[in-house]
Amino acid sequence: MSQYPQNAFETVSTGAVVRNRVLRNTYWLLALSMIPTVLGAWLGVQMHFSMFAGSPMIGFVVFMAVAFGFFYAIEKTKNSGLGVAVLLGFTFFMGLMLSRLIEYTLGFSNGGTLIMTAFGGTALIFGVMATVATVSKRDFSGMSKWLFAGLLVIVVASLANIFLQMPALQLTISVVAIAIFSAYILFDVQQVINGGETNYISATLRIYLDVYNVFVNLLSILGIFGGNRD
């Protein structure tokens, strides 16, 4: 009779060790992924890169095709070292996509300050949400359907605004996006902590996209309200 509790304890202990290792590897890879992102953004600014310069709709389609190509490749290689390389290639691509916004922001006299403020704000949001996910006893898995519905609304509204070009709608989209992706950080980190996600490459991809979108939309809002052309 005494063997069962011991085995149960060992199983729980082993599971906790695995989850902690996945979370630790996820955070390390997330930090590493910022290097190709910054490199891609810097290179894009130097090249004046813009996928949407000619036709925004065609640019969007090409972007989605490339992004989903990376998603497919990451999924296929996530259990090998190659998955890390593919993920870092994706983050470099996302840095390129970020370069247009970075270049626009640097056109402000306080552009550098805005970028650092957005970076600091994103880090703060990530820190708060990751901490809540770690210490809270509440299960946030029920948020998934609502978050996905909110994500679809953001995508549809963003597509519509390609044609409408309404500043007020863009501002609304950015505010809602920050809320949605901040909640996604909470959800995705807790998935790792609770064992719902056991692959650190997949976990890093999800959390990276959350952080990336928080930064992009926060920088957009700062540019609208705090950009100074003087």
Protein backbone atom coordinates (compact mmCIF):
# COMPACT_ATOMS: atom_id res chain seq x y z
CA MET A 1 0.00 0.00 0.00
CA SER A 2 2.91 2.34 0.70
CA GLN A 3 4.28 1.97 -2.85
CA TYR A 4 1.42 3.82 -4.56
CA PRO A 5 1.80 7.19 -2.79
CA GLN A 6 5.54 7.09 -3.41
CA ASN A 7 5.04 6.46 -7.13
CA ALA A 8 2.37 9.14 -7.31
CA PHE A 9 4.71 11.64 -5.65
CA GLU A 10 7.52 10.74 -8.04
CA THR A 11 5.20 11.19 -11.04
CA VAL A 12 4.06 14.62 -9.86
CA SER A 13 7.64 15.63 -9.08
CA THR A 14 8.88 14.49 -12.50
CA GLY A 15 6.06 16.37 -14.21
CA ALA A 16 6.95 19.57 -12.36
CA VAL A 17 10.61 19.22 -13.37
CA VAL A 18 9.64 18.77 -17.02
CA ARG A 19 7.32 21.80 -16.96
CA ASN A 20 9.97 23.96 -15.33
CA ARG A 21 12.52 22.89 -17.93
CA VAL A 22 10.13 23.70 -20.79
CA LEU A 23 9.37 27.11 -19.26
CA ARG A 24 13.06 27.87 -18.71
CA ASN A 25 13.99 26.84 -22.27
CA THR A 26 11.07 28.88 -23.60
CA TYR A 27 12.26 32.03 -21.84
CA TRP A 28 15.84 31.52 -23.03
CA LEU A 29 14.74 30.98 -26.64
CA LEU A 30 12.38 33.94 -26.42
CA ALA A 31 15.28 36.15 -25.33
CA LEU A 32 17.48 34.73 -28.09
CA SER A 33 14.76 35.38 -30.68
CA MET A 34 15.04 39.13 -30.03
CA ILE A 35 18.51 39.18 -31.64
CA PRO A 36 17.40 38.24 -35.20
CA THR A 37 14.33 40.42 -34.74
CA VAL A 38 16.47 43.48 -34.02
CA LEU A 39 18.87 42.52 -36.82
CA GLY A 40 16.00 42.13 -39.29
CA ALA A 41 14.51 45.47 -38.25
CA TRP A 42 17.88 47.23 -38.57
CA LEU A 43 18.52 45.71 -42.00
CA GLY A 44 15.00 46.57 -43.14
CA VAL A 45 15.46 50.20 -42.12
CA GLN A 46 18.76 50.38 -44.00
CA MET A 47 17.10 48.88 -47.12
CA HIS A 48 13.87 50.90 -46.70
CA PHE A 49 12.12 47.53 -46.87
CA SER A 50 8.35 47.51 -47.34
CA MET A 51 6.25 44.57 -48.45
CA PHE A 52 3.15 46.76 -48.62
CA ALA A 53 4.50 49.67 -50.68
CA GLY A 54 2.98 48.62 -54.01
CA SER A 55 -0.32 46.96 -53.16
CA PRO A 56 -1.25 46.60 -49.48
CA MET A 57 -3.57 43.67 -50.19
CA ILE A 58 -1.00 41.75 -52.24
CA GLY A 59 1.60 42.54 -49.59
CA PHE A 60 -0.72 41.16 -46.92
CA VAL A 61 -1.31 37.95 -48.89
CA VAL A 62 2.45 37.48 -49.43
CA PHE A 63 3.11 38.15 -45.76
CA MET A 64 0.52 35.58 -44.67
CA ALA A 65 1.88 33.02 -47.12
CA VAL A 66 5.44 33.43 -45.83
CA ALA A 67 4.32 33.45 -42.19
CA PHE A 68 2.24 30.30 -42.51
CA GLY A 69 5.08 28.68 -44.42
CA PHE A 70 7.28 29.33 -41.40
CA PHE A 71 4.55 28.05 -39.05
CA TYR A 72 4.36 24.80 -41.01
CA ALA A 73 8.14 24.40 -41.03
CA ILE A 74 8.40 25.13 -37.30
CA GLU A 75 5.70 22.57 -36.54
CA LYS A 76 7.50 19.93 -38.60
CA THR A 77 10.90 20.57 -37.01
CA LYS A 78 9.92 21.49 -33.45
CA ASN A 79 11.32 18.26 -32.00
CA SER A 80 14.82 18.82 -33.37
CA GLY A 81 17.56 21.42 -33.23
CA LEU A 82 16.55 22.51 -36.72
CA GLY A 83 13.34 23.86 -35.22
CA VAL A 84 15.32 26.47 -33.30
CA ALA A 85 17.02 27.63 -36.52
CA VAL A 86 13.69 27.84 -38.36
CA LEU A 87 12.13 29.78 -35.49
CA LEU A 88 15.02 32.26 -35.46
CA GLY A 89 14.65 32.62 -39.24
CA PHE A 90 11.00 33.49 -38.67
CA THR A 91 11.89 36.10 -36.06
CA PHE A 92 14.35 37.66 -38.52
CA PHE A 93 11.52 37.86 -41.07
CA MET A 94 9.27 39.48 -38.47
CA GLY A 95 12.04 41.99 -37.80
CA LEU A 96 12.01 42.89 -41.48
CA MET A 97 8.26 43.36 -41.30
CA LEU A 98 8.72 45.61 -38.28
CA SER A 99 11.24 47.85 -40.04
CA ARG A 100 8.66 50.02 -41.80
CA LEU A 101 7.09 51.03 -38.48
CA ILE A 102 10.53 51.53 -36.93
CA GLU A 103 11.65 53.73 -39.82
CA TYR A 104 8.44 55.77 -39.63
CA THR A 105 8.88 56.23 -35.89
CA LEU A 106 12.50 57.27 -36.28
CA GLY A 107 11.20 60.07 -38.49
CA PHE A 108 9.98 61.76 -35.31
CA SER A 109 12.49 63.87 -33.44
CA ASN A 110 11.76 61.75 -30.36
CA GLY A 111 11.52 58.50 -32.32
CA GLY A 112 14.26 56.75 -30.38
CA THR A 113 12.55 57.59 -27.10
CA LEU A 114 9.22 56.29 -28.40
CA ILE A 115 10.80 52.99 -29.42
CA MET A 116 12.48 52.53 -26.03
CA THR A 117 9.24 53.46 -24.27
CA ALA A 118 7.34 50.87 -26.30
CA PHE A 119 10.04 48.31 -25.52
CA GLY A 120 9.88 49.10 -21.82
CA GLY A 121 6.08 49.01 -21.81
CA THR A 122 6.07 45.66 -23.60
CA ALA A 123 8.58 44.24 -21.12
CA LEU A 124 6.44 45.48 -18.24
CA ILE A 125 3.28 43.92 -19.69
CA PHE A 126 5.09 40.64 -20.30
CA GLY A 127 6.54 40.64 -16.78
CA VAL A 128 3.16 41.30 -15.16
CA MET A 129 1.27 38.73 -17.23
CA ALA A 130 3.94 36.05 -16.86
CA THR A 131 4.02 36.63 -13.09
CA VAL A 132 0.22 36.38 -12.82
CA ALA A 133 0.29 33.17 -14.88
CA THR A 134 2.96 31.76 -12.57
CA VAL A 135 1.52 32.64 -9.15
CA SER A 136 -2.23 32.60 -9.80
CA LYS A 137 -4.20 29.49 -8.88
CA ARG A 138 -6.90 30.41 -11.37
CA ASP A 139 -7.22 28.38 -14.55
CA PHE A 140 -7.19 30.73 -17.57
CA SER A 141 -7.71 28.01 -20.19
CA GLY A 142 -11.34 29.04 -20.58
CA MET A 143 -10.17 32.29 -22.17
CA SER A 144 -9.10 30.58 -25.38
CA LYS A 145 -12.41 30.86 -27.26
CA TRP A 146 -12.88 34.51 -26.33
CA LEU A 147 -9.32 35.38 -27.22
CA PHE A 148 -9.58 33.66 -30.59
CA ALA A 149 -12.84 35.49 -31.32
CA GLY A 150 -11.15 38.78 -30.43
CA LEU A 151 -8.22 37.91 -32.68
CA LEU A 152 -10.56 37.30 -35.62
CA VAL A 153 -12.20 40.68 -35.02
CA ILE A 154 -8.79 42.38 -35.06
CA VAL A 155 -7.82 40.65 -38.32
CA VAL A 156 -11.09 41.56 -40.05
CA ALA A 157 -10.95 45.17 -38.82
CA SER A 158 -7.30 45.48 -39.92
CA LEU A 159 -8.15 44.19 -43.39
CA ALA A 160 -11.05 46.63 -43.65
CA ASN A 161 -8.84 49.52 -42.59
CA ILE A 162 -6.43 48.80 -45.43
CA PHE A 163 -9.11 50.29 -47.67
CA LEU A 164 -10.82 52.66 -45.21
CA GLN A 165 -7.62 54.25 -43.84
CA MET A 166 -9.43 55.57 -40.76
CA PRO A 167 -7.08 56.79 -37.99
CA ALA A 168 -9.77 56.35 -35.34
CA LEU A 169 -10.31 52.72 -36.38
CA GLN A 170 -6.56 52.08 -36.38
CA LEU A 171 -6.31 53.48 -32.87
CA THR A 172 -9.19 51.30 -31.71
CA ILE A 173 -7.61 48.23 -33.30
CA SER A 174 -4.29 48.92 -31.55
CA VAL A 175 -5.91 49.37 -28.13
CA VAL A 176 -7.94 46.17 -28.48
CA ALA A 177 -4.92 44.30 -29.85
CA ILE A 178 -2.81 45.23 -26.82
CA ALA A 179 -5.54 43.91 -24.53
CA ILE A 180 -5.99 40.69 -26.53
CA PHE A 181 -2.30 39.86 -26.88
CA SER A 182 -1.56 40.77 -23.26
CA ALA A 183 -4.22 38.23 -22.27
CA TYR A 184 -2.66 35.76 -24.70
CA ILE A 185 0.67 36.10 -22.85
CA LEU A 186 -1.14 35.13 -19.67
CA PHE A 187 -2.85 32.20 -21.39
CA ASP A 188 0.21 30.89 -23.25
CA VAL A 189 2.58 31.09 -20.28
CA GLN A 190 0.10 29.25 -18.09
CA GLN A 191 -0.27 26.57 -20.76
CA VAL A 192 3.42 25.79 -20.28
CA ILE A 193 3.19 25.95 -16.48
CA ASN A 194 0.21 23.59 -16.39
CA GLY A 195 1.69 21.17 -18.90
CA GLY A 196 -0.70 22.04 -21.72
CA GLU A 197 2.28 22.88 -23.95
CA THR A 198 5.30 20.60 -23.61
CA ASN A 199 7.40 21.75 -26.56
CA TYR A 200 9.49 24.83 -25.84
CA ILE A 201 9.84 25.78 -29.53
CA SER A 202 6.06 25.85 -30.01
CA ALA A 203 5.68 27.72 -26.72
CA THR A 204 8.29 30.28 -27.75
CA LEU A 205 6.56 30.87 -31.09
CA ARG A 206 3.25 31.61 -29.40
CA ILE A 207 4.66 33.90 -26.73
CA TYR A 208 6.92 35.64 -29.26
CA LEU A 209 3.89 36.51 -31.41
CA ASP A 210 2.08 37.81 -28.33
CA VAL A 211 5.00 40.04 -27.32
CA TYR A 212 5.62 41.18 -30.90
CA ASN A 213 2.02 42.30 -31.37
CA VAL A 214 1.93 44.11 -28.03
CA PHE A 215 5.09 46.02 -29.01
CA VAL A 216 3.86 46.90 -32.52
CA ASN A 217 0.52 48.22 -31.34
CA LEU A 218 1.97 50.03 -28.35
CA LEU A 219 4.52 51.75 -30.61
CA SER A 220 1.74 52.69 -33.02
CA ILE A 221 -0.25 54.35 -30.24
CA LEU A 222 2.83 56.17 -28.93
CA GLY A 223 3.52 57.43 -32.43
CA ILE A 224 -0.02 58.77 -32.75
CA PHE A 225 -0.06 60.60 -29.43
CA GLY A 226 3.58 61.27 -28.72
CA GLY A 227 5.27 61.64 -32.09
CA ASN A 228 7.00 64.97 -32.56
CA ARG A 229 7.97 66.15 -36.04
CA ASP A 230 9.62 69.34 -34.84
